[in-house]
Protein backbone atom coordinates (compact mmCIF):
# COMPACT_ATOMS: atom_id res chain seq x y z
CA UNK A 1 -5.20 22.50 11.87
CA UNK A 2 -2.05 20.53 11.15
CA UNK A 3 -1.29 16.84 10.70
CA UNK A 4 2.03 14.97 10.73
CA UNK A 5 2.37 11.67 8.86
CA UNK A 6 5.29 9.30 9.44
CA UNK A 7 6.23 6.34 7.25
CA UNK A 8 9.28 4.32 6.26
CA UNK A 9 7.61 3.25 2.98
CA UNK A 10 9.12 6.10 1.00
CA UNK A 11 11.83 6.41 -1.62
CA UNK A 12 12.19 7.54 -5.22
CA UNK A 13 10.67 4.38 -6.71
CA UNK A 14 8.46 3.23 -3.83
CA UNK A 15 4.96 1.91 -4.30
CA UNK A 16 1.37 2.50 -3.25
CA UNK A 17 1.92 3.97 0.23
CA UNK A 18 4.16 6.76 -1.04
CA UNK A 19 1.80 7.31 -3.98
CA UNK A 20 -1.08 7.71 -1.53
CA UNK A 21 0.79 10.26 0.57
CA UNK A 22 1.95 12.23 -2.46
CA UNK A 23 -1.69 12.49 -3.51
CA UNK A 24 -2.59 13.78 -0.05
CA UNK A 25 0.20 16.35 -0.19
CA UNK A 26 -1.02 17.59 -3.58
CA UNK A 27 -4.60 17.88 -2.31
CA UNK A 28 -3.43 19.64 0.86
CA UNK A 29 -1.61 22.23 -1.25
CA UNK A 30 -4.68 22.77 -3.43
CA UNK A 31 -7.01 23.22 -0.44
CA UNK A 32 -4.66 25.14 1.86
CA UNK A 33 -4.38 22.44 4.54
CA UNK A 34 -1.27 22.10 6.67
CA UNK A 35 0.32 18.66 6.26
CA UNK A 36 3.80 17.48 7.24
CA UNK A 37 5.53 14.26 6.17
CA UNK A 38 8.43 12.62 8.04
CA UNK A 39 10.23 10.07 5.85
CA UNK A 40 13.63 8.34 5.62
CA UNK A 41 16.30 9.43 3.19
CA UNK A 42 19.98 9.24 2.45
CA UNK A 43 20.54 12.66 4.06
CA UNK A 44 18.69 15.02 6.38
CA UNK A 45 16.68 17.59 4.48
CA UNK A 46 13.43 19.47 4.17
CA UNK A 47 11.22 20.24 1.17
CA UNK A 48 8.84 23.19 1.54
CA UNK A 49 5.48 23.69 -0.12
CA UNK A 50 2.97 26.45 0.44
CA UNK A 51 1.17 24.57 3.22
CA UNK A 52 3.12 21.29 3.28
CA UNK A 53 6.58 20.12 4.31
CA UNK A 54 8.51 16.89 3.80
CA UNK A 55 11.18 16.24 6.43
CA UNK A 56 13.77 13.66 5.30
CA UNK A 57 15.85 11.98 7.99
CA UNK A 58 19.13 10.23 7.28
CA UNK A 59 18.42 6.53 7.74
CA UNK A 60 20.16 3.21 7.08
CA UNK A 61 18.87 0.67 4.55
CA UNK A 62 16.17 -1.64 5.89
CA UNK A 63 17.50 -5.07 6.90
CA UNK A 64 15.14 -7.12 4.72
CA UNK A 65 14.73 -4.86 1.67
CA UNK A 66 17.66 -2.56 0.96
CA UNK A 67 15.59 -0.51 -1.50
CA UNK A 68 13.98 1.08 1.57
CA UNK A 69 15.43 2.91 4.56
CA UNK A 70 14.16 2.79 8.14
CA UNK A 71 14.05 5.56 10.72
CA UNK A 72 15.01 3.76 13.92
CA UNK A 73 14.64 4.91 17.54
CA UNK A 74 17.82 6.43 18.95
CA UNK A 75 16.58 7.41 22.39
CA UNK A 76 14.15 6.08 24.98
CA UNK A 77 11.25 5.34 24.68
CA UNK A 78 11.46 4.35 21.04
CA UNK A 79 11.75 7.84 19.56
CA UNK A 80 14.20 9.25 17.03
CA UNK A 81 15.61 12.50 18.43
CA UNK A 82 15.00 14.48 15.24
CA UNK A 83 11.48 13.11 14.92
CA UNK A 84 10.87 14.26 18.48
CA UNK A 85 12.10 17.76 17.68
CA UNK A 86 10.03 17.97 14.49
CA UNK A 87 6.89 17.06 16.43
CA UNK A 88 7.66 19.62 19.13
CA UNK A 89 8.36 22.33 16.54
CA UNK A 90 5.35 21.58 14.33
CA UNK A 91 2.83 21.23 17.21
CA UNK A 92 0.45 18.96 15.25
CA UNK A 93 -3.21 18.38 16.00
CA UNK A 94 -2.95 14.85 14.59
CA UNK A 95 -0.14 12.33 14.14
CA UNK A 96 -0.56 9.41 11.75
CA UNK A 97 1.95 6.56 11.63
CA UNK A 98 2.11 4.13 8.72
CA UNK A 99 4.66 1.70 10.15
CA UNK A 100 4.46 -1.27 12.50
CA UNK A 101 8.11 -1.75 13.37
CA UNK A 102 10.06 1.36 14.38
CA UNK A 103 7.90 4.50 14.20
CA UNK A 104 4.71 3.43 15.96
CA UNK A 105 6.42 3.59 19.35
CA UNK A 106 6.09 7.36 19.14
CA UNK A 107 2.31 7.01 19.50
CA UNK A 108 2.75 4.71 22.51
CA UNK A 109 5.13 7.17 24.17
CA UNK A 110 2.63 10.00 23.70
CA UNK A 111 -0.24 7.93 25.12
CA UNK A 112 1.82 6.98 28.16
CA UNK A 113 2.99 10.54 28.77
CA UNK A 114 6.66 9.75 28.09
CA UNK A 115 6.86 12.31 25.27
CA UNK A 116 7.69 15.46 27.23
CA UNK A 117 7.29 19.00 25.97
CA UNK A 118 4.05 18.68 23.99
CA UNK A 119 1.76 21.67 24.46
CA UNK A 120 -1.27 19.61 23.46
CA UNK A 121 -2.08 15.94 23.04
CA UNK A 122 -2.49 15.16 19.29
CA UNK A 123 -4.95 12.61 17.99
CA UNK A 124 -3.04 9.39 17.16
CA UNK A 125 -3.92 7.44 14.00
CA UNK A 126 -2.49 4.11 12.85
CA UNK A 127 -2.65 3.60 9.08
CA UNK A 128 -2.34 -0.06 8.06
CA UNK A 129 -1.45 -0.68 4.42
CA UNK A 130 -0.08 -4.21 4.85
CA UNK A 131 -0.32 -7.16 7.23
CA UNK A 132 2.44 -8.01 9.66
CA UNK A 133 1.78 -11.77 9.53
CA UNK A 134 2.21 -11.81 5.74
CA UNK A 135 5.39 -9.71 5.90
CA UNK A 136 6.86 -12.13 8.41
CA UNK A 137 5.84 -15.01 6.15
CA UNK A 138 7.76 -13.56 3.19
CA UNK A 139 10.89 -12.34 4.93
CA UNK A 140 11.30 -14.53 8.04
CA UNK A 141 9.05 -17.53 8.64
CA UNK A 142 5.68 -18.99 7.69
CA UNK A 143 5.58 -21.18 10.80
CA UNK A 144 2.71 -21.23 13.28
CA UNK A 145 5.07 -19.69 15.82
CA UNK A 146 5.67 -16.74 13.51
CA UNK A 147 1.94 -16.24 13.04
CA UNK A 148 1.37 -16.42 16.79
CA UNK A 149 4.09 -13.84 17.37
CA UNK A 150 2.56 -11.50 14.78
CA UNK A 151 -0.87 -11.80 16.43
CA UNK A 152 0.60 -11.09 19.88
CA UNK A 153 2.65 -8.15 18.59
CA UNK A 154 -0.29 -6.58 16.74
CA UNK A 155 -2.50 -6.90 19.82
CA UNK A 156 -0.18 -5.57 22.51
CA UNK A 157 2.73 -3.82 20.77
CA UNK A 158 0.76 -2.04 18.06
CA UNK A 159 -3.01 -1.77 18.28
CA UNK A 160 -3.29 -0.08 21.67
CA UNK A 161 -0.82 2.67 20.81
CA UNK A 162 -3.38 4.57 18.71
CA UNK A 163 -6.72 6.33 19.24
CA UNK A 164 -8.10 5.18 15.89
CA UNK A 165 -7.06 2.90 13.04
CA UNK A 166 -7.46 3.12 9.26
CA UNK A 167 -6.95 0.10 6.97
CA UNK A 168 -6.72 0.15 3.18
CA UNK A 169 -8.76 -3.04 2.65
CA UNK A 170 -10.85 -5.69 4.37
CA UNK A 171 -7.94 -8.06 3.91
CA UNK A 172 -5.64 -5.83 5.98
CA UNK A 173 -8.40 -5.00 8.45
CA UNK A 174 -8.87 -8.71 9.24
CA UNK A 175 -5.58 -8.66 11.16
CA UNK A 176 -6.74 -5.60 13.08
CA UNK A 177 -10.03 -7.32 13.95
CA UNK A 178 -8.12 -9.98 15.89
CA UNK A 179 -5.90 -7.38 17.54
CA UNK A 180 -8.97 -5.34 18.54
CA UNK A 181 -10.27 -7.97 20.95
CA UNK A 182 -9.53 -7.55 24.62
CA UNK A 183 -8.93 -3.80 24.91
CA UNK A 184 -10.70 -1.78 27.59
CA UNK A 185 -10.53 1.51 25.68
CA UNK A 186 -12.81 1.49 22.65
CA UNK A 187 -11.15 2.30 19.35
CA UNK A 188 -12.72 2.67 15.92
CA UNK A 189 -11.34 1.01 12.80
CA UNK A 190 -12.19 2.53 9.42
CA UNK A 191 -11.61 0.76 6.10
CA UNK A 192 -10.68 3.35 3.51
CA UNK A 193 -9.19 2.12 0.21
CA UNK A 194 -7.07 4.63 -1.70
CA UNK A 195 -8.33 6.14 -4.94
CA UNK A 196 -7.02 6.28 -8.49
CA UNK A 197 -6.52 9.04 -11.03
CA UNK A 198 -8.81 8.42 -14.00
CA UNK A 199 -7.36 11.41 -15.83
CA UNK A 200 -4.15 9.41 -16.27
CA UNK A 201 -5.58 5.91 -16.75
CA UNK A 202 -8.38 5.59 -19.27
CA UNK A 203 -9.30 3.19 -22.08
CA UNK A 204 -8.94 5.88 -24.76
CA UNK A 205 -5.19 5.31 -24.58
CA UNK A 206 -5.51 1.64 -25.51
CA UNK A 207 -3.36 0.50 -28.44
CA UNK A 208 -3.59 -2.41 -30.83
CA UNK A 209 -0.54 -4.54 -29.95
CA UNK A 210 -1.57 -8.16 -29.49
CA UNK A 211 -0.40 -10.87 -27.12
CA UNK A 212 1.47 -8.53 -24.77
CA UNK A 213 1.45 -9.26 -21.03
CA UNK A 214 2.13 -6.38 -18.63
CA UNK A 215 3.20 -6.38 -14.99
CA UNK A 216 3.63 -3.05 -13.19
CA UNK A 217 4.72 -2.73 -9.57
CA UNK A 218 7.60 -3.18 -7.17
CA UNK A 219 9.96 -6.06 -7.88
CA UNK A 220 10.10 -7.31 -4.32
CA UNK A 221 9.86 -10.77 -2.68
CA UNK A 222 6.30 -10.23 -1.39
CA UNK A 223 5.03 -9.74 -4.96
CA UNK A 224 5.48 -13.48 -5.75
CA UNK A 225 7.03 -12.69 -9.14
CA UNK A 226 8.43 -16.15 -9.77
CA UNK A 227 4.83 -16.97 -10.66
CA UNK A 228 4.98 -14.35 -13.42
CA UNK A 229 8.05 -16.02 -14.93
CA UNK A 230 6.63 -19.54 -14.57
CA UNK A 231 3.26 -18.63 -16.10
CA UNK A 232 4.70 -16.65 -19.01
CA UNK A 233 7.02 -19.54 -19.88
CA UNK A 234 3.90 -21.62 -20.62
CA UNK A 235 2.50 -19.15 -23.17
CA UNK A 236 2.95 -19.44 -26.95
CA UNK A 237 6.12 -17.98 -28.45
CA UNK A 238 4.33 -14.97 -30.00
CA UNK A 239 3.60 -13.50 -26.54
CA UNK A 240 5.77 -10.68 -25.15
CA UNK A 241 6.26 -9.67 -21.51
CA UNK A 242 6.55 -6.04 -20.37
CA UNK A 243 7.69 -5.35 -16.79
CA UNK A 244 7.50 -1.85 -15.31
CA UNK A 245 9.02 -1.33 -11.88
CA UNK A 246 12.18 -1.77 -9.90
CA UNK A 247 13.36 -3.48 -6.73
CA UNK A 248 15.75 -6.00 -5.25
CA UNK A 249 14.26 -8.89 -7.28
CA UNK A 250 14.95 -7.31 -10.67
CA UNK A 251 18.36 -8.93 -11.41
CA UNK A 252 17.05 -12.43 -10.64
CA UNK A 253 13.89 -11.88 -12.69
CA UNK A 254 15.80 -10.57 -15.70
CA UNK A 255 18.17 -13.52 -15.54
CA UNK A 256 15.28 -16.00 -15.33
CA UNK A 257 13.45 -14.38 -18.26
CA UNK A 258 16.60 -14.38 -20.40
CA UNK A 259 17.18 -18.05 -19.64
CA UNK A 260 13.62 -19.33 -20.06
CA UNK A 261 12.24 -17.17 -22.89
CA UNK A 262 15.13 -15.16 -24.37
CA UNK A 263 14.26 -12.00 -26.28
CA UNK A 264 10.60 -11.99 -25.27
CA UNK A 265 10.74 -9.83 -22.11
CA UNK A 266 11.45 -6.13 -21.68
CA UNK A 267 12.22 -4.63 -18.25
CA UNK A 268 11.65 -0.87 -18.21
CA UNK A 269 12.64 -0.18 -14.60
CA UNK A 270 10.84 2.49 -12.61
CA UNK A 271 8.72 4.83 -14.73
CA UNK A 272 8.86 8.43 -13.58
CA UNK A 273 5.46 9.57 -14.80
CA UNK A 274 1.90 8.33 -15.00
CA UNK A 275 1.93 9.21 -18.70
CA UNK A 276 4.73 6.70 -19.35
CA UNK A 277 2.86 4.00 -17.45
CA UNK A 278 -0.40 4.83 -19.22
CA UNK A 279 1.40 4.43 -22.55
CA UNK A 280 2.53 0.94 -21.52
CA UNK A 281 -1.06 0.10 -20.60
CA UNK A 282 -2.03 1.17 -24.10
CA UNK A 283 0.55 -1.17 -25.64
CA UNK A 284 -0.48 -4.22 -23.60
CA UNK A 285 -3.27 -6.70 -24.10
CA UNK A 286 -3.51 -8.16 -20.57
CA UNK A 287 -2.34 -7.15 -17.08
CA UNK A 288 -1.04 -9.80 -14.68
CA UNK A 289 -0.77 -9.39 -10.91
CA UNK A 290 0.82 -12.29 -9.01
CA UNK A 291 0.69 -11.50 -5.27
CA UNK A 292 -1.95 -13.68 -3.53
CA UNK A 293 -1.65 -11.56 -0.37
CA UNK A 294 -1.73 -8.07 -1.90
CA UNK A 295 -2.91 -5.60 0.79
CA UNK A 296 -4.94 -3.57 -1.74
CA UNK A 297 -3.22 -3.09 -5.08
CA UNK A 298 -3.34 0.24 -6.89
CA UNK A 299 -1.65 -1.15 -10.03
CA UNK A 300 -4.37 -3.75 -10.83
CA UNK A 301 -7.07 -1.10 -10.32
CA UNK A 302 -5.23 1.29 -12.66
CA UNK A 303 -5.08 -1.49 -15.24
CA UNK A 304 -8.83 -1.99 -14.96
CA UNK A 305 -9.34 1.76 -15.44
CA UNK A 306 -7.21 1.54 -18.59
CA UNK A 307 -9.44 -1.11 -20.12
CA UNK A 308 -6.95 -3.94 -19.63
CA UNK A 309 -8.14 -7.42 -18.65
CA UNK A 310 -6.84 -8.28 -15.17
CA UNK A 311 -5.50 -11.75 -14.30
CA UNK A 312 -4.80 -12.13 -10.58
CA UNK A 313 -5.03 -14.54 -7.62
CA UNK A 314 -8.47 -15.06 -6.08
CA UNK A 315 -7.31 -13.84 -2.65
CA UNK A 316 -5.96 -10.83 -0.80
CA UNK A 317 -6.89 -7.17 -0.83
CA UNK A 318 -7.62 -6.98 -4.56
CA UNK A 319 -10.91 -8.72 -3.77
CA UNK A 320 -11.94 -5.29 -2.47
CA UNK A 321 -12.70 -4.40 -6.09
CA UNK A 322 -11.93 -7.41 -8.30
CA UNK A 323 -14.38 -10.28 -8.79
CA UNK A 324 -15.44 -12.84 -11.37
CA UNK A 325 -17.47 -10.27 -13.33
CA UNK A 326 -14.67 -7.75 -13.92
CA UNK A 327 -11.46 -9.82 -13.84
CA UNK A 328 -9.97 -13.29 -14.24
CA UNK A 329 -9.31 -14.50 -10.69
CA UNK A 330 -7.68 -17.91 -10.26
CA UNK A 331 -5.43 -19.98 -8.03
CA UNK A 332 -1.87 -18.67 -7.74
CA UNK A 333 -0.12 -21.31 -9.84
CA UNK A 334 1.51 -21.13 -13.25
CA UNK A 335 -0.82 -23.40 -15.29
CA UNK A 336 -3.93 -21.60 -14.00
CA UNK A 337 -2.41 -18.21 -14.76
CA UNK A 338 -1.32 -19.19 -18.27
CA UNK A 339 -4.78 -20.57 -19.05
CA UNK A 340 -6.48 -17.43 -17.70
CA UNK A 341 -4.21 -15.18 -19.79
CA UNK A 342 -5.24 -17.09 -22.92
CA UNK A 343 -8.91 -16.90 -21.89
CA UNK A 344 -8.77 -13.09 -21.78
CA UNK A 345 -8.71 -13.13 -25.58
CA UNK A 346 -12.23 -14.59 -25.80
CA UNK A 347 -14.02 -11.61 -27.44
CA UNK A 348 -17.33 -11.86 -25.59
CA UNK A 349 -15.82 -12.44 -22.16
CA UNK A 350 -13.24 -9.74 -22.74
CA UNK A 351 -15.83 -7.14 -23.72
CA UNK A 352 -18.12 -7.89 -20.77
CA UNK A 353 -15.45 -7.96 -18.08
CA UNK A 354 -13.65 -4.87 -19.33
CA UNK A 355 -16.96 -2.98 -19.28
CA UNK A 356 -17.56 -4.08 -15.69
CA UNK A 357 -13.98 -3.21 -14.74
CA UNK A 358 -14.33 0.33 -16.08
CA UNK A 359 -17.46 0.82 -13.99
CA UNK A 360 -15.64 -0.44 -10.90
CA UNK A 361 -12.67 1.86 -11.48
CA UNK A 362 -15.02 4.84 -11.82
CA UNK A 363 -16.41 4.12 -8.36
CA UNK A 364 -12.95 4.32 -6.81
CA UNK A 365 -12.22 7.59 -8.56
CA UNK A 366 -15.43 9.17 -7.31
CA UNK A 367 -15.60 7.80 -3.78
CA UNK A 368 -12.09 7.23 -2.48
CA UNK A 369 -9.99 10.29 -3.20
CA UNK A 370 -7.44 12.37 -1.26
CA UNK A 371 -10.04 14.91 -0.16
CA UNK A 372 -11.99 12.19 1.65
CA UNK A 373 -8.89 11.30 3.70
CA UNK A 374 -8.10 14.91 4.55
CA UNK A 375 -11.72 15.55 5.54
CA UNK A 376 -11.58 12.50 7.80
CA UNK A 377 -8.40 13.75 9.48
CA UNK A 378 -10.08 17.08 10.20
CA UNK A 379 -13.03 15.28 11.74
CA UNK A 380 -10.67 13.25 13.93
CA UNK A 381 -8.97 16.45 15.06
CA UNK A 382 -12.33 18.05 15.89
CA UNK A 383 -13.51 14.87 17.64
CA UNK A 384 -16.43 14.85 15.24
CA UNK A 385 -17.05 12.07 12.74
CA UNK A 386 -19.66 12.02 9.99
CA UNK A 387 -19.35 8.25 9.56
CA UNK A 388 -19.31 5.28 11.89
CA UNK A 389 -16.28 2.98 11.99
CA UNK A 390 -16.49 -0.29 10.13
CA UNK A 391 -15.87 -2.05 13.45
CA UNK A 392 -14.68 -1.27 16.97
CA UNK A 393 -12.41 -2.85 19.53
CA UNK A 394 -14.21 -5.00 22.08
CA UNK A 395 -13.37 -6.36 25.55
CA UNK A 396 -12.22 -9.97 25.46
CA UNK A 397 -12.22 -12.82 27.95
CA UNK A 398 -8.86 -11.68 29.31
CA UNK A 399 -7.19 -8.33 29.53
CA UNK A 400 -3.56 -7.39 29.34
CA UNK A 401 -1.79 -4.15 30.13
CA UNK A 402 -3.79 -1.31 28.60
CA UNK A 403 -2.11 1.92 27.55
């Protein structure tokens, strides 16, 4: 059996989606499963493994975040010609698309019979790792019209293109729940958070440096990183800020840090190994995550696994695993964040919440791992599922064009 996975969320320093797929590729190699990735790149190319392949397609920078590239349709009906040829050559049993803007049309074309030349009809999976309405809010508009457009698009230009859907958190799945209403064909929606590698992130690597705040993740507009600068500026002068990650916001953040608390912040850029990141965890005393609409958040969970107190907004996908017993969750404003950071140094609270956080992280290592995803794909391909979906699409009071 063979699966093809397509995403635009892929480059040398990309975040959780690429990390998830790289974990799947590693597991596929270890277990002899055939898995193919189709991703954007600067040039066309192919990387071969024993049972895996990564096809890179030359693609232009994305219009709203130039750190990423986007594979765009170049022939009707919404298909890139090389993507089409890869699918025909690979003859997959399953196609998964993690993209809501330019690659998901392939699934719609297959469902409608516009994709000619296929010897067999693959199972079509939509993987949602972010919400469209929140992306529009960051990069275009937060107006009610923008939210209405996102709801319409998700319902009629996205949801119906696939046989099944997977979401990485309840927060992301909430948008799919609305889109699932009013479809004649029943579709299952599974909520499957990604896992973490406890062999890389563990409390035994904790160091003794005091009053050091760490942020690790992409430096992008949706991460709400102005809050990090504003909150840190309210902390005493003996605090230091460590920032691991890269992105289009980095120059502005470095300039703001230099202006508001000169000499107290260090920007490391993208770290190439988990060992380097684990070392930073060991040199920090608190981890701060600032995005109130985080789809899931691997970085905060890795911090919890490392024995670091987590300070984060009390909203978004991190509520999948973070709560008042294992983290400091507060409103997304600078005074609340600064106060919470100081509160993490209360010895009794710190000890209790770190202990609870380590137990939570262990659950995500044991339950949500790459093998679980690959097993699920095989069950989809065999039209046999060991588990029931978390919810299903349901007929609504009015019906539109069903594909």
